[in-house]
């Protein structure tokens, strides 16, 4: 059985097909280079078998067996298309494309509408370094940031987003720690550091939340470790993978400050694992 990757072209079921080498047209040359590297083909992939989860803590087994259909090629990357609202002072609508390859990196390229005017830019992380670059009307700087603090925060984001690439959770970059019947810690190695990502897993195997102590400066305070959390409100299945598709995320999840820390709500419209 084959599947189509382009009109008139059949590809074997055990291949993870790369998803474009360019990305959004407003990416810088360095970001385009990173996008191309993250989109590189990974070659043949073993099919998922439930036996692969034997030996993992119960919640991890439930999640992975729920998230990956038996026989699905274990592709370690994904390209996502999403829309939602982001809080930049007020809440504004946005649309975005993201390429994600744990633990190597990600690029999130988006257009937000602020009072009807487009703000375009990207967040990226690759090779242990991160950058944020956003422009109003493509010209007026809105936000730019780089440096060790930005990179460490982006590494935590990359670790938490492994739930969008379930096959990557079976890689040697992830080790598991049992907590209880509903929670498990995935210690995700990124740039030499193990980030402890706690997954809350329902009896069905669906994720209900994802949390971790993430480096950042919410509230414009000093940088440090703060609780970052994702509330999963809906799932969707794309090509054999069931992933969070309706999400609220932000700082201080599960605390009385959550109302101030939440800064993004989005829906995944499309996900292609490769």
C-alpha atoms as a PDB file:
ATOM      1  CA  UNK A   1       0.000   0.000   0.000  1.00  0.00           C
ATOM      2  CA  UNK A   2       1.384   3.402  -1.000  1.00  0.00           C
ATOM      3  CA  UNK A   3       0.370   6.970  -0.343  1.00  0.00           C
ATOM      4  CA  UNK A   4       0.724  10.134  -2.405  1.00  0.00           C
ATOM      5  CA  UNK A   5       3.165  12.914  -1.535  1.00  0.00           C
ATOM      6  CA  UNK A   6       2.533  14.949  -4.703  1.00  0.00           C
ATOM      7  CA  UNK A   7       0.355  14.593  -7.819  1.00  0.00           C
ATOM      8  CA  UNK A   8       1.371  11.499  -9.719  1.00  0.00           C
ATOM      9  CA  UNK A   9       4.003  10.412  -7.210  1.00  0.00           C
ATOM     10  CA  UNK A  10       3.636   7.388  -4.954  1.00  0.00           C
ATOM     11  CA  UNK A  11       5.819   6.830  -1.910  1.00  0.00           C
ATOM     12  CA  UNK A  12       6.204   3.711   0.242  1.00  0.00           C
ATOM     13  CA  UNK A  13       4.315   3.610   3.527  1.00  0.00           C
ATOM     14  CA  UNK A  14       7.526   3.273   5.538  1.00  0.00           C
ATOM     15  CA  UNK A  15       8.989   6.607   4.428  1.00  0.00           C
ATOM     16  CA  UNK A  16       8.705   9.897   6.268  1.00  0.00           C
ATOM     17  CA  UNK A  17       8.304  12.462   3.500  1.00  0.00           C
ATOM     18  CA  UNK A  18      10.033  15.864   3.984  1.00  0.00           C
ATOM     19  CA  UNK A  19       7.706  18.871   3.968  1.00  0.00           C
ATOM     20  CA  UNK A  20       9.188  21.798   2.092  1.00  0.00           C
ATOM     21  CA  UNK A  21      12.493  23.596   2.385  1.00  0.00           C
ATOM     22  CA  UNK A  22      11.465  27.267   2.285  1.00  0.00           C
ATOM     23  CA  UNK A  23       8.952  28.154   4.979  1.00  0.00           C
ATOM     24  CA  UNK A  24       7.251  31.547   5.193  1.00  0.00           C
ATOM     25  CA  UNK A  25       8.421  34.157   2.640  1.00  0.00           C
ATOM     26  CA  UNK A  26       9.404  36.655   5.364  1.00  0.00           C
ATOM     27  CA  UNK A  27      11.962  34.368   7.022  1.00  0.00           C
ATOM     28  CA  UNK A  28      15.526  35.655   7.136  1.00  0.00           C
ATOM     29  CA  UNK A  29      18.272  33.837   5.255  1.00  0.00           C
ATOM     30  CA  UNK A  30      19.448  32.150   8.469  1.00  0.00           C
ATOM     31  CA  UNK A  31      15.900  31.073   9.336  1.00  0.00           C
ATOM     32  CA  UNK A  32      15.407  29.677   5.810  1.00  0.00           C
ATOM     33  CA  UNK A  33      18.586  27.673   6.226  1.00  0.00           C
ATOM     34  CA  UNK A  34      17.331  26.283   9.534  1.00  0.00           C
ATOM     35  CA  UNK A  35      13.945  25.469   7.990  1.00  0.00           C
ATOM     36  CA  UNK A  36      15.659  23.501   5.206  1.00  0.00           C
ATOM     37  CA  UNK A  37      17.730  21.553   7.726  1.00  0.00           C
ATOM     38  CA  UNK A  38      14.709  20.768   9.903  1.00  0.00           C
ATOM     39  CA  UNK A  39      12.789  19.644   6.794  1.00  0.00           C
ATOM     40  CA  UNK A  40      15.519  17.255   5.628  1.00  0.00           C
ATOM     41  CA  UNK A  41      14.412  13.664   4.935  1.00  0.00           C
ATOM     42  CA  UNK A  42      14.946  11.149   7.707  1.00  0.00           C
ATOM     43  CA  UNK A  43      14.762   7.992   5.568  1.00  0.00           C
ATOM     44  CA  UNK A  44      12.807   4.779   6.176  1.00  0.00           C
ATOM     45  CA  UNK A  45      10.941   4.569   9.472  1.00  0.00           C
ATOM     46  CA  UNK A  46       9.950   1.504  11.461  1.00  0.00           C
ATOM     47  CA  UNK A  47       6.204   0.986  11.880  1.00  0.00           C
ATOM     48  CA  UNK A  48       4.797   1.553  15.349  1.00  0.00           C
ATOM     49  CA  UNK A  49       3.910  -1.550  17.328  1.00  0.00           C
ATOM     50  CA  UNK A  50       2.303  -1.372  20.791  1.00  0.00           C
ATOM     51  CA  UNK A  51       5.019  -3.710  22.095  1.00  0.00           C
ATOM     52  CA  UNK A  52       7.458  -0.821  21.709  1.00  0.00           C
ATOM     53  CA  UNK A  53       5.945   0.822  24.790  1.00  0.00           C
ATOM     54  CA  UNK A  54       6.526  -2.177  27.084  1.00  0.00           C
ATOM     55  CA  UNK A  55       8.620  -1.187  30.063  1.00  0.00           C
ATOM     56  CA  UNK A  56       7.400   2.409  30.108  1.00  0.00           C
ATOM     57  CA  UNK A  57       5.326   3.796  33.003  1.00  0.00           C
ATOM     58  CA  UNK A  58       1.584   3.172  32.649  1.00  0.00           C
ATOM     59  CA  UNK A  59       0.536   6.724  31.678  1.00  0.00           C
ATOM     60  CA  UNK A  60       3.287   6.868  29.023  1.00  0.00           C
ATOM     61  CA  UNK A  61       2.125   3.559  27.531  1.00  0.00           C
ATOM     62  CA  UNK A  62      -1.515   4.732  27.503  1.00  0.00           C
ATOM     63  CA  UNK A  63      -0.634   7.985  25.802  1.00  0.00           C
ATOM     64  CA  UNK A  64       1.614   6.499  23.119  1.00  0.00           C
ATOM     65  CA  UNK A  65      -0.768   3.655  22.295  1.00  0.00           C
ATOM     66  CA  UNK A  66      -3.556   6.232  22.024  1.00  0.00           C
ATOM     67  CA  UNK A  67      -1.478   8.720  20.037  1.00  0.00           C
ATOM     68  CA  UNK A  68       0.042   6.412  17.400  1.00  0.00           C
ATOM     69  CA  UNK A  69      -2.000   3.993  15.310  1.00  0.00           C
ATOM     70  CA  UNK A  70      -0.339   0.552  14.964  1.00  0.00           C
ATOM     71  CA  UNK A  71       1.602   0.321  11.729  1.00  0.00           C
ATOM     72  CA  UNK A  72       2.139   4.094  11.430  1.00  0.00           C
ATOM     73  CA  UNK A  73       5.722   4.995  10.396  1.00  0.00           C
ATOM     74  CA  UNK A  74       7.595   6.478  13.329  1.00  0.00           C
ATOM     75  CA  UNK A  75       8.339   9.910  11.869  1.00  0.00           C
ATOM     76  CA  UNK A  76      10.240  12.247  14.179  1.00  0.00           C
ATOM     77  CA  UNK A  77       9.225  15.597  12.662  1.00  0.00           C
ATOM     78  CA  UNK A  78       6.019  17.478  11.893  1.00  0.00           C
ATOM     79  CA  UNK A  79       4.852  20.484   9.930  1.00  0.00           C
ATOM     80  CA  UNK A  80       1.843  22.197  11.477  1.00  0.00           C
ATOM     81  CA  UNK A  81      -0.656  24.772  10.311  1.00  0.00           C
ATOM     82  CA  UNK A  82      -2.667  26.521  12.998  1.00  0.00           C
ATOM     83  CA  UNK A  83      -4.785  29.535  13.847  1.00  0.00           C
ATOM     84  CA  UNK A  84      -5.812  31.151  17.104  1.00  0.00           C
ATOM     85  CA  UNK A  85      -5.389  34.183  19.303  1.00  0.00           C
ATOM     86  CA  UNK A  86      -2.272  35.533  20.982  1.00  0.00           C
ATOM     87  CA  UNK A  87      -2.067  38.073  23.778  1.00  0.00           C
ATOM     88  CA  UNK A  88       0.145  41.034  22.989  1.00  0.00           C
ATOM     89  CA  UNK A  89      -1.398  43.483  25.397  1.00  0.00           C
ATOM     90  CA  UNK A  90      -4.843  42.562  24.034  1.00  0.00           C
ATOM     91  CA  UNK A  91      -5.860  39.308  22.351  1.00  0.00           C
ATOM     92  CA  UNK A  92      -5.242  39.311  18.578  1.00  0.00           C
ATOM     93  CA  UNK A  93      -5.938  36.692  15.880  1.00  0.00           C
ATOM     94  CA  UNK A  94      -3.056  34.901  14.176  1.00  0.00           C
ATOM     95  CA  UNK A  95      -2.249  32.201  11.638  1.00  0.00           C
ATOM     96  CA  UNK A  96       0.987  30.252  11.696  1.00  0.00           C
ATOM     97  CA  UNK A  97       3.084  27.500  10.171  1.00  0.00           C
ATOM     98  CA  UNK A  98       5.536  25.557  12.276  1.00  0.00           C
ATOM     99  CA  UNK A  99       8.188  22.979  11.579  1.00  0.00           C
ATOM    100  CA  UNK A 100       9.196  20.921  14.601  1.00  0.00           C
ATOM    101  CA  UNK A 101      11.929  18.309  14.933  1.00  0.00           C
ATOM    102  CA  UNK A 102      12.706  17.367  18.544  1.00  0.00           C
ATOM    103  CA  UNK A 103      15.329  17.603  19.908  1.00  0.00           C
ATOM    104  CA  UNK A 104      16.966  19.504  17.010  1.00  0.00           C
ATOM    105  CA  UNK A 105      14.760  22.567  16.809  1.00  0.00           C
ATOM    106  CA  UNK A 106      11.698  24.391  15.561  1.00  0.00           C
ATOM    107  CA  UNK A 107      10.571  27.428  13.598  1.00  0.00           C
ATOM    108  CA  UNK A 108       7.183  29.051  14.248  1.00  0.00           C
ATOM    109  CA  UNK A 109       6.319  31.620  11.579  1.00  0.00           C
ATOM    110  CA  UNK A 110       3.120  33.618  12.038  1.00  0.00           C
ATOM    111  CA  UNK A 111       1.062  36.608  11.013  1.00  0.00           C
ATOM    112  CA  UNK A 112      -0.955  38.330  13.719  1.00  0.00           C
ATOM    113  CA  UNK A 113      -3.476  41.104  13.124  1.00  0.00           C
ATOM    114  CA  UNK A 114      -3.208  44.001  15.553  1.00  0.00           C
ATOM    115  CA  UNK A 115      -5.957  46.574  15.014  1.00  0.00           C
ATOM    116  CA  UNK A 116      -6.194  45.244  11.470  1.00  0.00           C
ATOM    117  CA  UNK A 117      -2.477  45.688  10.724  1.00  0.00           C
ATOM    118  CA  UNK A 118      -0.252  42.669  10.032  1.00  0.00           C
ATOM    119  CA  UNK A 119       2.608  41.800  12.356  1.00  0.00           C
ATOM    120  CA  UNK A 120       4.757  39.058  10.836  1.00  0.00           C
ATOM    121  CA  UNK A 121       7.690  37.220  12.261  1.00  0.00           C
ATOM    122  CA  UNK A 122       9.077  34.044  13.700  1.00  0.00           C
ATOM    123  CA  UNK A 123      10.441  32.286  16.754  1.00  0.00           C
ATOM    124  CA  UNK A 124      13.185  29.772  16.033  1.00  0.00           C
ATOM    125  CA  UNK A 125      15.535  27.441  17.858  1.00  0.00           C
ATOM    126  CA  UNK A 126      18.327  25.401  16.297  1.00  0.00           C
ATOM    127  CA  UNK A 127      21.831  24.357  17.263  1.00  0.00           C
ATOM    128  CA  UNK A 128      21.303  25.501  20.839  1.00  0.00           C
ATOM    129  CA  UNK A 129      20.502  29.092  19.821  1.00  0.00           C
ATOM    130  CA  UNK A 130      17.167  30.910  19.591  1.00  0.00           C
ATOM    131  CA  UNK A 131      15.868  34.079  17.998  1.00  0.00           C
ATOM    132  CA  UNK A 132      12.601  36.047  18.023  1.00  0.00           C
ATOM    133  CA  UNK A 133      12.019  38.597  15.239  1.00  0.00           C
ATOM    134  CA  UNK A 134       8.721  40.449  14.603  1.00  0.00           C
ATOM    135  CA  UNK A 135       7.890  43.400  12.334  1.00  0.00           C
ATOM    136  CA  UNK A 136       4.789  45.536  11.797  1.00  0.00           C
ATOM    137  CA  UNK A 137       3.928  45.818   8.078  1.00  0.00           C
ATOM    138  CA  UNK A 138       7.142  43.893   7.433  1.00  0.00           C
ATOM    139  CA  UNK A 139       9.283  46.922   8.289  1.00  0.00           C
ATOM    140  CA  UNK A 140       8.697  48.447  11.735  1.00  0.00           C
ATOM    141  CA  UNK A 141      10.419  46.435  14.508  1.00  0.00           C
ATOM    142  CA  UNK A 142       7.993  45.178  17.146  1.00  0.00           C
ATOM    143  CA  UNK A 143      10.189  42.703  18.997  1.00  0.00           C
ATOM    144  CA  UNK A 144      13.605  41.151  18.495  1.00  0.00           C
ATOM    145  CA  UNK A 145      15.457  38.999  20.991  1.00  0.00           C
ATOM    146  CA  UNK A 146      18.293  36.528  21.171  1.00  0.00           C
ATOM    147  CA  UNK A 147      20.894  35.406  23.699  1.00  0.00           C
ATOM    148  CA  UNK A 148      21.289  32.713  26.371  1.00  0.00           C
ATOM    149  CA  UNK A 149      18.024  33.439  28.231  1.00  0.00           C
ATOM    150  CA  UNK A 150      15.961  33.334  25.034  1.00  0.00           C
ATOM    151  CA  UNK A 151      17.704  30.123  23.966  1.00  0.00           C
ATOM    152  CA  UNK A 152      17.105  28.370  27.279  1.00  0.00           C
ATOM    153  CA  UNK A 153      13.423  29.347  27.222  1.00  0.00           C
ATOM    154  CA  UNK A 154      13.072  28.097  23.632  1.00  0.00           C
ATOM    155  CA  UNK A 155      14.704  24.799  24.576  1.00  0.00           C
ATOM    156  CA  UNK A 156      11.993  24.302  27.196  1.00  0.00           C
ATOM    157  CA  UNK A 157       9.314  25.062  24.621  1.00  0.00           C
ATOM    158  CA  UNK A 158      10.839  22.499  22.254  1.00  0.00           C
ATOM    159  CA  UNK A 159      10.853  19.894  25.019  1.00  0.00           C
ATOM    160  CA  UNK A 160       7.170  20.469  25.836  1.00  0.00           C
ATOM    161  CA  UNK A 161       6.120  20.294  22.172  1.00  0.00           C
ATOM    162  CA  UNK A 162       7.307  16.710  21.866  1.00  0.00           C
ATOM    163  CA  UNK A 163       3.626  15.830  22.434  1.00  0.00           C
ATOM    164  CA  UNK A 164       2.991  17.061  18.873  1.00  0.00           C
ATOM    165  CA  UNK A 165       5.515  14.502  17.569  1.00  0.00           C
ATOM    166  CA  UNK A 166       4.619  11.343  19.537  1.00  0.00           C
ATOM    167  CA  UNK A 167       7.159   9.181  17.700  1.00  0.00           C
ATOM    168  CA  UNK A 168       9.966  11.371  19.059  1.00  0.00           C
ATOM    169  CA  UNK A 169       8.945  10.331  22.580  1.00  0.00           C
ATOM    170  CA  UNK A 170      10.283   6.853  21.756  1.00  0.00           C
ATOM    171  CA  UNK A 171      13.754   8.196  20.929  1.00  0.00           C
ATOM    172  CA  UNK A 172      16.832   7.898  23.187  1.00  0.00           C
ATOM    173  CA  UNK A 173      16.528  11.644  23.854  1.00  0.00           C
ATOM    174  CA  UNK A 174      13.589  10.914  26.186  1.00  0.00           C
ATOM    175  CA  UNK A 175      13.670   9.036  29.486  1.00  0.00           C
ATOM    176  CA  UNK A 176      10.628   8.389  31.662  1.00  0.00           C
ATOM    177  CA  UNK A 177       9.916   8.747  35.368  1.00  0.00           C
ATOM    178  CA  UNK A 178       6.807   7.281  36.986  1.00  0.00           C
ATOM    179  CA  UNK A 179       4.692   9.618  39.116  1.00  0.00           C
ATOM    180  CA  UNK A 180       1.235   8.084  39.617  1.00  0.00           C
ATOM    181  CA  UNK A 181      -1.612   6.520  37.627  1.00  0.00           C
ATOM    182  CA  UNK A 182      -2.419   9.797  35.848  1.00  0.00           C
ATOM    183  CA  UNK A 183       0.955  11.551  35.549  1.00  0.00           C
ATOM    184  CA  UNK A 184       4.354  10.748  34.107  1.00  0.00           C
ATOM    185  CA  UNK A 185       7.519  12.792  33.584  1.00  0.00           C
ATOM    186  CA  UNK A 186       9.208  12.734  30.194  1.00  0.00           C
ATOM    187  CA  UNK A 187      12.736  14.013  30.669  1.00  0.00           C
ATOM    188  CA  UNK A 188      13.506  15.424  27.236  1.00  0.00           C
ATOM    189  CA  UNK A 189      17.135  16.034  26.371  1.00  0.00           C
ATOM    190  CA  UNK A 190      17.700  19.302  24.485  1.00  0.00           C
ATOM    191  CA  UNK A 191      21.165  20.835  24.074  1.00  0.00           C
ATOM    192  CA  UNK A 192      22.618  18.676  26.843  1.00  0.00           C
ATOM    193  CA  UNK A 193      19.925  19.440  29.429  1.00  0.00           C
ATOM    194  CA  UNK A 194      17.090  17.149  30.508  1.00  0.00           C
ATOM    195  CA  UNK A 195      13.836  19.128  30.680  1.00  0.00           C
ATOM    196  CA  UNK A 196      11.262  17.475  33.001  1.00  0.00           C
ATOM    197  CA  UNK A 197       7.939  17.603  31.138  1.00  0.00           C
ATOM    198  CA  UNK A 198       4.956  16.291  33.140  1.00  0.00           C
ATOM    199  CA  UNK A 199       2.157  14.742  31.099  1.00  0.00           C
ATOM    200  CA  UNK A 200      -1.318  14.332  32.596  1.00  0.00           C
ATOM    201  CA  UNK A 201      -2.969  11.375  30.874  1.00  0.00           C
ATOM    202  CA  UNK A 202      -6.655  10.429  31.018  1.00  0.00           C
ATOM    203  CA  UNK A 203      -7.742   6.770  31.333  1.00  0.00           C
ATOM    204  CA  UNK A 204      -8.419   6.828  27.565  1.00  0.00           C
ATOM    205  CA  UNK A 205      -4.810   7.774  26.869  1.00  0.00           C
ATOM    206  CA  UNK A 206      -5.662  11.339  25.842  1.00  0.00           C
ATOM    207  CA  UNK A 207      -3.476  14.133  27.170  1.00  0.00           C
ATOM    208  CA  UNK A 208      -5.216  16.629  29.441  1.00  0.00           C
ATOM    209  CA  UNK A 209      -2.250  18.880  30.267  1.00  0.00           C
ATOM    210  CA  UNK A 210       1.495  19.326  29.814  1.00  0.00           C
ATOM    211  CA  UNK A 211       3.609  21.248  32.330  1.00  0.00           C
ATOM    212  CA  UNK A 212       7.256  21.983  33.013  1.00  0.00           C
ATOM    213  CA  UNK A 213       9.483  24.428  34.905  1.00  0.00           C
ATOM    214  CA  UNK A 214      10.494  26.647  31.964  1.00  0.00           C
ATOM    215  CA  UNK A 215      13.089  29.387  31.898  1.00  0.00           C
ATOM    216  CA  UNK A 216      11.555  32.796  31.250  1.00  0.00           C
ATOM    217  CA  UNK A 217      10.659  36.263  32.513  1.00  0.00           C
ATOM    218  CA  UNK A 218       6.856  36.378  32.650  1.00  0.00           C
ATOM    219  CA  UNK A 219       5.559  39.639  34.014  1.00  0.00           C
ATOM    220  CA  UNK A 220       8.877  41.220  32.982  1.00  0.00           C
ATOM    221  CA  UNK A 221      10.477  40.034  36.183  1.00  0.00           C
ATOM    222  CA  UNK A 222      13.959  38.498  36.387  1.00  0.00           C
ATOM    223  CA  UNK A 223      14.608  35.356  34.374  1.00  0.00           C
ATOM    224  CA  UNK A 224      14.131  32.133  36.263  1.00  0.00           C
ATOM    225  CA  UNK A 225      12.222  28.856  36.291  1.00  0.00           C
ATOM    226  CA  UNK A 226       8.451  29.353  36.216  1.00  0.00           C
ATOM    227  CA  UNK A 227       5.624  26.889  35.752  1.00  0.00           C
ATOM    228  CA  UNK A 228       4.615  26.760  32.095  1.00  0.00           C
ATOM    229  CA  UNK A 229       1.552  24.782  31.136  1.00  0.00           C
ATOM    230  CA  UNK A 230      -0.603  23.621  28.270  1.00  0.00           C
ATOM    231  CA  UNK A 231      -4.256  22.736  28.703  1.00  0.00           C
ATOM    232  CA  UNK A 232      -5.447  20.299  26.035  1.00  0.00           C
ATOM    233  CA  UNK A 233      -9.096  20.929  25.164  1.00  0.00           C
ATOM    234  CA  UNK A 234      -9.390  18.910  21.950  1.00  0.00           C
ATOM    235  CA  UNK A 235      -7.508  16.321  19.918  1.00  0.00           C
ATOM    236  CA  UNK A 236      -7.385  15.531  16.208  1.00  0.00           C
ATOM    237  CA  UNK A 237      -5.942  12.675  14.181  1.00  0.00           C
ATOM    238  CA  UNK A 238      -3.642  13.297  11.223  1.00  0.00           C
ATOM    239  CA  UNK A 239      -2.156  10.401   9.275  1.00  0.00           C
ATOM    240  CA  UNK A 240      -2.166   7.908  12.126  1.00  0.00           C
ATOM    241  CA  UNK A 241      -1.148  10.388  14.844  1.00  0.00           C
ATOM    242  CA  UNK A 242      -3.569  11.779  17.428  1.00  0.00           C
ATOM    243  CA  UNK A 243      -2.222  15.051  18.820  1.00  0.00           C
ATOM    244  CA  UNK A 244      -3.423  18.029  20.861  1.00  0.00           C
ATOM    245  CA  UNK A 245      -5.401  20.245  18.475  1.00  0.00           C
ATOM    246  CA  UNK A 246      -7.243  22.687  20.736  1.00  0.00           C
ATOM    247  CA  UNK A 247      -4.831  24.260  23.208  1.00  0.00           C
ATOM    248  CA  UNK A 248      -4.468  27.027  25.804  1.00  0.00           C
ATOM    249  CA  UNK A 249      -0.937  27.739  27.021  1.00  0.00           C
ATOM    250  CA  UNK A 250       1.028  30.141  29.168  1.00  0.00           C
ATOM    251  CA  UNK A 251       2.850  30.802  32.393  1.00  0.00           C
ATOM    252  CA  UNK A 252       1.831  29.894  35.959  1.00  0.00           C
ATOM    253  CA  UNK A 253      -0.507  27.102  34.834  1.00  0.00           C
ATOM    254  CA  UNK A 254      -2.488  25.649  37.727  1.00  0.00           C
ATOM    255  CA  UNK A 255      -1.887  28.656  39.979  1.00  0.00           C
ATOM    256  CA  UNK A 256      -3.925  31.728  40.859  1.00  0.00           C
ATOM    257  CA  UNK A 257      -1.818  33.685  38.351  1.00  0.00           C
ATOM    258  CA  UNK A 258      -2.874  31.575  35.345  1.00  0.00           C
ATOM    259  CA  UNK A 259      -5.342  34.237  34.162  1.00  0.00           C
ATOM    260  CA  UNK A 260      -2.422  36.658  33.823  1.00  0.00           C
ATOM    261  CA  UNK A 261       0.063  34.142  32.438  1.00  0.00           C
ATOM    262  CA  UNK A 262      -2.001  32.578  29.637  1.00  0.00           C
ATOM    263  CA  UNK A 263      -0.897  34.125  26.332  1.00  0.00           C
ATOM    264  CA  UNK A 264      -1.893  31.838  23.466  1.00  0.00           C
ATOM    265  CA  UNK A 265      -4.890  29.790  22.346  1.00  0.00           C
ATOM    266  CA  UNK A 266      -4.726  27.869  19.105  1.00  0.00           C
ATOM    267  CA  UNK A 267      -6.274  25.177  16.938  1.00  0.00           C
ATOM    268  CA  UNK A 268      -4.168  22.842  14.809  1.00  0.00           C
ATOM    269  CA  UNK A 269      -5.715  22.749  11.337  1.00  0.00           C
ATOM    270  CA  UNK A 270      -3.209  20.421   9.685  1.00  0.00           C
ATOM    271  CA  UNK A 271      -0.296  18.242  10.776  1.00  0.00           C
ATOM    272  CA  UNK A 272       1.961  16.259   8.464  1.00  0.00           C
ATOM    273  CA  UNK A 273       4.485  14.032  10.208  1.00  0.00           C
ATOM    274  CA  UNK A 274       7.634  13.237   8.262  1.00  0.00           C
END
